Amino acid sequence: MSAKYRFMDELLKKLKAAAEETRLRILAICAYAELTVTELTHILGQSQPRVSRHLKLLCDAGLLNRSREGSWVFYRRAENAERHSNELVESILGSVPENDMQFRRDMRRLAEVRKNRRAAAESYFRENAAEWDSLRSLHVDEAKVEERMLSFVTGDRHQSIIDIGTGTGRILELFGQRMDRGVGVDLSHEMLSLARTRMDEAGLSTCQVRHGDMYQLPIEDESFDIATLHLVLHFADDPAAVIHEAARVMAANAQLIIVDYAPHEMEELRNQYAHRRLGFSDSKVRELLFASGLHLSAIDSLPGDPLTLKIWVATKPEAHPPSLPSGFVTSSAREISRRD
């Protein structure tokens, strides 16, 4: 078959897959979030077998990507290498009116799904705030992690740091001793209370903590020389959006230091510790960083028992501000439902 006919065949396959009400709804929803089948059945109000059939057709047509993590499978809008495929999806999604009643209902239910995700994580954090530091050091000696993180810091003392998902403020305390200014951001009031106590006891008057969402940091653009995500990303339902937000608040030539788990199969961490992701591969982190205009500059590995920790360091080029891939949606369903 010639390239011309292969192109036509692929185009028709995509158009046929999208030309059905439920599949069009799924495509629109997955432009806003990465979701499991269970979450999509809640949003769509349809049976799981039926939703699964629609998802298969969309994946087979190259309109959705499917990724397995343990027993969970996530679906998201596909980002294709072929420009024409991305343009086709953008054209289809751009034709869906935001004031359509069905679309608005789907967005409200998506907001509920995200609210439930967050409530589960926040409940866990509240119950374990006092023990958080010990929980985070179950698998790898935290002192080794901290030593490696500090080894990547470049530049003089006149720097600033933002610790995203600061928890009890340990990383802010660690780096704050070397910085002119430090800010920790967390959504849990209990965590922030512990972090403030830690800052007071350490005498770090140049450091402060703020209540805020890692998806919408209460921070101006290009404000910090260093950003850290220490054992935070595996809790995120949208890691790409978290990294993009981190890139937004990083100044030119700033560093992003990510510490998280290598891929693993410990399903119990989802139920026991509210983990959303079972680790990250180097290629996945590279992909996430590239999508936000960041360059992966170093990778380190800290083998543990049974889990291995990885450290990824990225830099923000001076001439290229971070931008999400074409068609990537950053506005949350929560914001859309607020406008209803």
Protein backbone atom coordinates (compact mmCIF):
# COMPACT_ATOMS: atom_id res chain seq x y z
CA MET A 1 0.00 0.00 0.00
CA SER A 2 1.37 3.42 -0.97
CA ALA A 3 2.04 6.15 1.60
CA LYS A 4 -0.90 8.13 0.21
CA TYR A 5 -3.37 5.30 0.80
CA ARG A 6 -1.90 4.49 4.20
CA PHE A 7 -2.46 8.10 5.21
CA MET A 8 -6.07 8.00 3.98
CA ASP A 9 -6.67 4.70 5.78
CA GLU A 10 -5.33 6.08 9.07
CA LEU A 11 -7.32 9.29 8.65
CA LEU A 12 -10.56 7.40 8.07
CA LYS A 13 -9.85 5.15 11.05
CA LYS A 14 -9.45 8.18 13.32
CA LEU A 15 -12.53 9.92 11.98
CA LYS A 16 -14.67 6.78 12.40
CA ALA A 17 -13.43 6.29 15.94
CA ALA A 18 -14.32 9.85 16.92
CA ALA A 19 -17.66 9.89 15.09
CA GLU A 20 -19.73 8.46 17.96
CA GLU A 21 -21.19 10.34 20.91
CA THR A 22 -19.62 8.41 23.80
CA ARG A 23 -16.21 8.18 22.12
CA LEU A 24 -16.24 11.91 21.37
CA ARG A 25 -17.07 12.57 25.03
CA ILE A 26 -14.20 10.31 26.13
CA LEU A 27 -11.80 12.06 23.78
CA ALA A 28 -12.83 15.45 25.16
CA ILE A 29 -12.57 14.31 28.81
CA CYS A 30 -9.15 12.73 28.28
CA ALA A 31 -7.86 16.02 26.91
CA TYR A 32 -8.22 17.36 30.45
CA ALA A 33 -6.94 14.47 32.56
CA GLU A 34 -5.42 10.99 32.62
CA LEU A 35 -8.10 8.61 33.90
CA THR A 36 -8.81 4.99 34.75
CA VAL A 37 -11.73 3.01 33.35
CA THR A 38 -13.51 3.21 36.71
CA GLU A 39 -13.22 6.99 36.76
CA LEU A 40 -14.49 7.25 33.19
CA THR A 41 -17.50 5.04 33.93
CA HIS A 42 -18.42 7.41 36.78
CA ILE A 43 -18.14 10.46 34.53
CA LEU A 44 -19.97 8.91 31.59
CA GLY A 45 -22.64 7.08 33.61
CA GLN A 46 -22.18 3.93 31.53
CA SER A 47 -21.17 0.33 32.24
CA GLN A 48 -17.51 -0.61 32.40
CA PRO A 49 -17.66 -3.17 29.53
CA ARG A 50 -19.22 -0.57 27.24
CA VAL A 51 -16.68 2.09 28.19
CA SER A 52 -13.85 -0.40 27.75
CA ARG A 53 -15.00 -1.20 24.19
CA HIS A 54 -15.03 2.50 23.30
CA LEU A 55 -11.59 2.98 24.84
CA LYS A 56 -10.17 0.11 22.78
CA LEU A 57 -11.45 1.66 19.56
CA LEU A 58 -9.98 5.04 20.44
CA CYS A 59 -6.62 3.47 21.33
CA ASP A 60 -6.57 1.35 18.18
CA ALA A 61 -7.19 4.50 16.14
CA GLY A 62 -4.31 6.29 17.84
CA LEU A 63 -6.51 8.92 19.49
CA LEU A 64 -5.79 7.78 23.07
CA ASN A 65 -2.71 6.40 24.79
CA ARG A 66 -3.04 3.50 27.19
CA SER A 67 -0.49 2.88 29.96
CA ARG A 68 -0.54 0.18 32.63
CA GLU A 69 0.75 0.67 36.16
CA GLY A 70 0.29 -2.50 38.16
CA SER A 71 -3.41 -3.38 38.11
CA TRP A 72 -4.44 0.14 37.05
CA VAL A 73 -4.65 1.31 33.45
CA PHE A 74 -4.59 5.01 32.60
CA TYR A 75 -5.97 6.62 29.46
CA ARG A 76 -4.99 10.01 28.10
CA ARG A 77 -5.15 11.92 24.86
CA ALA A 78 -2.48 10.71 22.46
CA GLU A 79 0.34 12.98 21.43
CA ASN A 80 1.34 11.65 18.04
CA ALA A 81 4.63 12.14 16.25
CA GLU A 82 2.74 12.99 13.07
CA ARG A 83 1.75 16.65 12.97
CA HIS A 84 -1.39 15.95 10.94
CA SER A 85 -2.69 13.56 13.61
CA ASN A 86 -2.35 16.17 16.35
CA GLU A 87 -3.98 18.80 14.14
CA LEU A 88 -6.89 16.46 13.44
CA VAL A 89 -7.51 15.86 17.16
CA GLU A 90 -7.19 19.58 17.91
CA SER A 91 -9.71 20.33 15.16
CA ILE A 92 -12.17 17.76 16.54
CA LEU A 93 -11.84 18.96 20.12
CA GLY A 94 -11.96 22.59 19.05
CA SER A 95 -15.36 21.93 17.51
CA VAL A 96 -16.86 20.83 20.85
CA PRO A 97 -18.62 23.91 22.29
CA GLU A 98 -17.77 24.54 25.94
CA ASN A 99 -21.36 25.58 26.62
CA ASP A 100 -22.73 22.24 25.44
CA MET A 101 -24.86 20.78 28.24
CA GLN A 102 -23.37 17.28 28.00
CA PHE A 103 -19.83 18.62 27.94
CA ARG A 104 -20.51 20.77 31.01
CA ARG A 105 -21.98 17.76 32.87
CA ASP A 106 -18.92 15.68 31.99
CA MET A 107 -16.63 18.44 33.25
CA ARG A 108 -18.54 18.68 36.53
CA ARG A 109 -18.20 14.93 37.06
CA LEU A 110 -14.51 15.12 36.17
CA ALA A 111 -14.18 17.80 38.84
CA GLU A 112 -15.83 15.38 41.31
CA VAL A 113 -13.32 12.65 40.40
CA ARG A 114 -10.43 15.02 41.01
CA LYS A 115 -11.99 16.22 44.25
CA ASN A 116 -12.32 12.62 45.47
CA ARG A 117 -8.69 11.89 44.53
CA ARG A 118 -7.51 14.89 46.46
CA ALA A 119 -9.73 14.15 49.45
CA ALA A 120 -8.25 10.65 49.73
CA ALA A 121 -4.70 12.02 49.65
CA GLU A 122 -5.45 14.83 52.08
CA SER A 123 -7.11 12.39 54.49
CA TYR A 124 -4.00 10.26 54.47
CA PHE A 125 -1.76 13.29 55.01
CA ARG A 126 -3.87 14.48 57.96
CA GLU A 127 -3.75 11.06 59.61
CA ASN A 128 0.00 10.69 59.14
CA ALA A 129 1.34 14.24 59.32
CA ALA A 130 3.27 13.69 62.55
CA GLU A 131 4.95 10.55 61.16
CA TRP A 132 5.51 11.79 57.62
CA ASP A 133 9.28 12.09 57.74
CA SER A 134 9.68 8.53 59.05
CA LEU A 135 7.26 7.17 56.43
CA ARG A 136 9.24 8.82 53.64
CA SER A 137 12.46 7.20 54.79
CA LEU A 138 11.23 3.61 54.97
CA HIS A 139 13.02 2.45 51.85
CA VAL A 140 16.22 4.49 51.42
CA ASP A 141 18.38 6.24 54.01
CA GLU A 142 17.11 9.81 53.87
CA ALA A 143 20.53 11.21 54.78
CA LYS A 144 21.96 9.72 51.57
CA VAL A 145 19.14 11.22 49.52
CA GLU A 146 19.69 14.65 51.03
CA GLU A 147 23.46 14.46 50.47
CA ARG A 148 22.95 13.60 46.80
CA MET A 149 20.38 16.36 46.35
CA LEU A 150 22.74 18.98 47.78
CA SER A 151 25.56 17.76 45.53
CA PHE A 152 23.62 18.88 42.46
CA VAL A 153 23.22 22.48 43.60
CA THR A 154 25.30 24.87 41.54
CA GLY A 155 25.89 28.60 41.88
CA ASP A 156 26.61 30.84 44.86
CA ARG A 157 24.73 31.39 48.08
CA HIS A 158 22.59 34.19 46.67
CA GLN A 159 19.93 31.84 45.40
CA SER A 160 16.30 31.04 46.11
CA ILE A 161 14.46 27.73 46.37
CA ILE A 162 10.85 26.59 46.15
CA ASP A 163 9.99 23.18 47.62
CA ILE A 164 6.76 21.98 46.03
CA GLY A 165 4.74 19.65 48.25
CA THR A 166 7.00 20.57 51.15
CA GLY A 167 5.29 18.34 53.73
CA THR A 168 7.00 18.87 57.07
CA GLY A 169 9.53 21.23 55.49
CA ARG A 170 12.62 19.02 55.77
CA ILE A 171 13.92 19.78 52.26
CA LEU A 172 13.28 23.48 52.76
CA GLU A 173 15.23 23.31 56.01
CA LEU A 174 18.08 21.45 54.29
CA PHE A 175 18.45 23.83 51.37
CA GLY A 176 17.37 26.95 53.25
CA GLN A 177 20.60 26.96 55.22
CA ARG A 178 22.41 27.63 51.93
CA MET A 179 19.93 30.01 50.32
CA ASP A 180 18.98 33.65 50.61
CA ARG A 181 15.28 32.79 50.30
CA GLY A 182 13.16 29.69 50.56
CA VAL A 183 9.44 28.98 50.11
CA GLY A 184 7.65 25.70 50.74
CA VAL A 185 4.16 25.08 49.33
CA ASP A 186 1.73 22.42 50.51
CA LEU A 187 -2.02 21.85 50.50
CA SER A 188 -2.18 20.22 53.93
CA HIS A 189 -2.63 22.60 56.86
CA GLU A 190 -1.34 19.92 59.24
CA MET A 191 1.85 19.56 57.23
CA LEU A 192 2.32 23.32 57.08
CA SER A 193 1.92 23.55 60.84
CA LEU A 194 4.75 21.05 61.31
CA ALA A 195 6.86 22.81 58.66
CA ARG A 196 6.47 26.18 60.38
CA THR A 197 7.57 24.64 63.66
CA ARG A 198 10.63 23.16 61.93
CA MET A 199 11.56 26.54 60.40
CA ASP A 200 11.27 28.25 63.79
CA GLU A 201 13.39 25.65 65.54
CA ALA A 202 16.06 25.87 62.84
CA GLY A 203 16.09 29.67 63.01
CA LEU A 204 15.46 29.97 59.26
CA SER A 205 14.00 33.47 59.12
CA THR A 206 14.58 33.62 55.37
CA CYS A 207 12.27 30.63 54.77
CA GLN A 208 8.51 30.53 54.82
CA VAL A 209 5.72 28.13 53.90
CA ARG A 210 2.50 28.85 52.05
CA HIS A 211 -0.77 27.04 51.61
CA GLY A 212 -1.16 26.24 47.95
CA ASP A 213 -1.86 23.71 45.22
CA MET A 214 1.03 22.17 43.28
CA TYR A 215 -1.09 22.56 40.14
CA GLN A 216 -1.63 26.29 40.77
CA LEU A 217 1.31 27.59 42.77
CA PRO A 218 0.70 30.96 44.48
CA ILE A 219 3.97 32.18 42.98
CA GLU A 220 4.93 34.65 40.25
CA ASP A 221 6.59 33.47 37.04
CA GLU A 222 10.36 32.94 36.99
CA SER A 223 10.82 33.55 40.73
CA PHE A 224 13.24 30.83 41.86
CA ASP A 225 16.71 29.49 41.08
CA ILE A 226 15.97 25.98 42.36
CA ALA A 227 12.75 23.96 42.51
CA THR A 228 12.40 20.61 44.26
CA LEU A 229 9.83 17.82 44.05
CA HIS A 230 10.89 15.42 46.80
CA LEU A 231 8.77 12.23 46.84
CA VAL A 232 5.79 14.21 45.59
CA LEU A 233 5.23 13.26 41.96
CA HIS A 234 3.92 9.74 42.70
CA PHE A 235 0.92 11.34 44.46
CA ALA A 236 -0.01 13.43 41.40
CA ASP A 237 -2.85 12.44 39.11
CA ASP A 238 -1.29 14.77 36.49
CA PRO A 239 2.52 14.73 36.78
CA ALA A 240 2.93 16.68 33.52
CA ALA A 241 0.94 19.60 34.91
CA VAL A 242 2.97 19.58 38.15
CA ILE A 243 6.26 19.76 36.25
CA HIS A 244 4.91 22.45 33.94
CA GLU A 245 3.91 24.54 36.95
CA ALA A 246 7.34 24.04 38.48
CA ALA A 247 8.93 25.18 35.21
CA ARG A 248 6.74 28.27 35.21
CA VAL A 249 8.12 29.55 38.52
CA MET A 250 11.75 28.72 37.63
CA ALA A 251 14.01 31.51 36.46
CA ALA A 252 16.21 31.13 33.38
CA ASN A 253 19.03 28.61 33.98
CA ALA A 254 17.28 27.40 37.15
CA GLN A 255 17.43 23.77 38.28
CA LEU A 256 14.61 21.35 39.00
CA ILE A 257 15.51 18.44 41.30
CA ILE A 258 13.02 15.54 41.29
CA VAL A 259 13.31 12.68 43.76
CA ASP A 260 10.95 9.75 43.32
CA TYR A 261 10.67 6.00 42.96
CA ALA A 262 11.89 3.92 40.06
CA PRO A 263 9.14 1.74 38.52
CA HIS A 264 7.96 -1.00 40.88
CA GLU A 265 5.04 -3.40 41.41
CA MET A 266 4.12 -2.71 45.05
CA GLU A 267 0.37 -2.34 44.65
CA GLU A 268 -0.13 -2.06 48.41
CA LEU A 269 1.39 1.41 48.36
CA ARG A 270 -1.76 2.66 46.65
CA ASN A 271 -4.03 1.58 49.47
CA GLN A 272 -1.66 2.00 52.41
CA TYR A 273 0.05 5.25 51.39
CA ALA A 274 -2.24 6.83 48.75
CA HIS A 275 0.35 6.50 45.96
CA ARG A 276 -1.11 7.38 42.58
CA ARG A 277 1.88 6.18 40.52
CA LEU A 278 4.06 3.13 40.92
CA GLY A 279 7.29 4.96 40.14
CA PHE A 280 8.72 6.58 37.01
CA SER A 281 11.14 5.41 34.35
CA ASP A 282 13.97 7.64 33.11
CA SER A 283 12.33 7.85 29.69
CA LYS A 284 9.01 8.94 31.21
CA VAL A 285 10.66 11.69 33.27
CA ARG A 286 12.63 12.83 30.22
CA GLU A 287 9.38 13.03 28.27
CA LEU A 288 7.65 15.03 31.01
CA LEU A 289 10.55 17.46 31.31
CA PHE A 290 10.85 17.95 27.56
CA ALA A 291 7.15 18.75 27.32
CA SER A 292 7.69 21.68 29.71
CA GLY A 293 10.80 23.00 27.99
CA LEU A 294 13.26 21.58 30.51
CA HIS A 295 16.48 19.70 29.73
CA LEU A 296 17.37 16.57 31.70
CA SER A 297 20.98 17.12 32.81
CA ALA A 298 21.64 14.35 35.36
CA ILE A 299 20.24 11.07 36.67
CA ASP A 300 21.23 9.38 39.90
CA SER A 301 20.06 6.11 41.43
CA LEU A 302 19.84 5.08 45.08
CA PRO A 303 19.05 1.35 45.32
CA GLY A 304 16.90 0.42 48.29
CA ASP A 305 15.09 -2.56 49.71
CA PRO A 306 12.60 -3.13 48.24
CA LEU A 307 12.34 0.22 46.41
CA THR A 308 14.91 2.24 44.50
CA LEU A 309 14.93 6.02 44.57
CA LYS A 310 15.93 8.08 41.54
CA ILE A 311 17.08 11.68 41.34
CA TRP A 312 16.51 13.56 38.11
CA VAL A 313 18.00 17.03 37.63
CA ALA A 314 16.77 19.35 34.88
CA THR A 315 17.62 22.88 33.79
CA LYS A 316 15.52 25.61 32.24
CA PRO A 317 17.16 27.07 29.13
CA GLU A 318 17.40 30.83 28.98
CA ALA A 319 16.08 31.24 25.47
CA HIS A 320 13.18 28.79 25.61
CA PRO A 321 10.39 29.38 28.16
CA PRO A 322 8.47 26.25 29.14
CA SER A 323 5.48 25.37 27.03
CA LEU A 324 3.24 22.36 26.94
CA PRO A 325 2.88 20.37 23.74
CA SER A 326 0.37 21.56 21.19
CA GLY A 327 -3.13 20.67 22.31
CA PHE A 328 -2.18 20.00 25.95
CA VAL A 329 -4.91 21.36 28.22
CA THR A 330 -3.92 22.89 31.54
CA SER A 331 -7.22 24.37 32.70
CA SER A 332 -8.82 22.03 35.17
CA ALA A 333 -12.36 20.72 35.13
CA ARG A 334 -12.61 22.30 38.56
CA GLU A 335 -12.21 25.73 36.96
CA ILE A 336 -14.69 24.95 34.20
CA SER A 337 -17.33 23.77 36.67
CA ARG A 338 -16.79 26.96 38.69
CA ARG A 339 -17.87 28.98 35.67
CA ASP A 340 -21.12 27.00 35.33
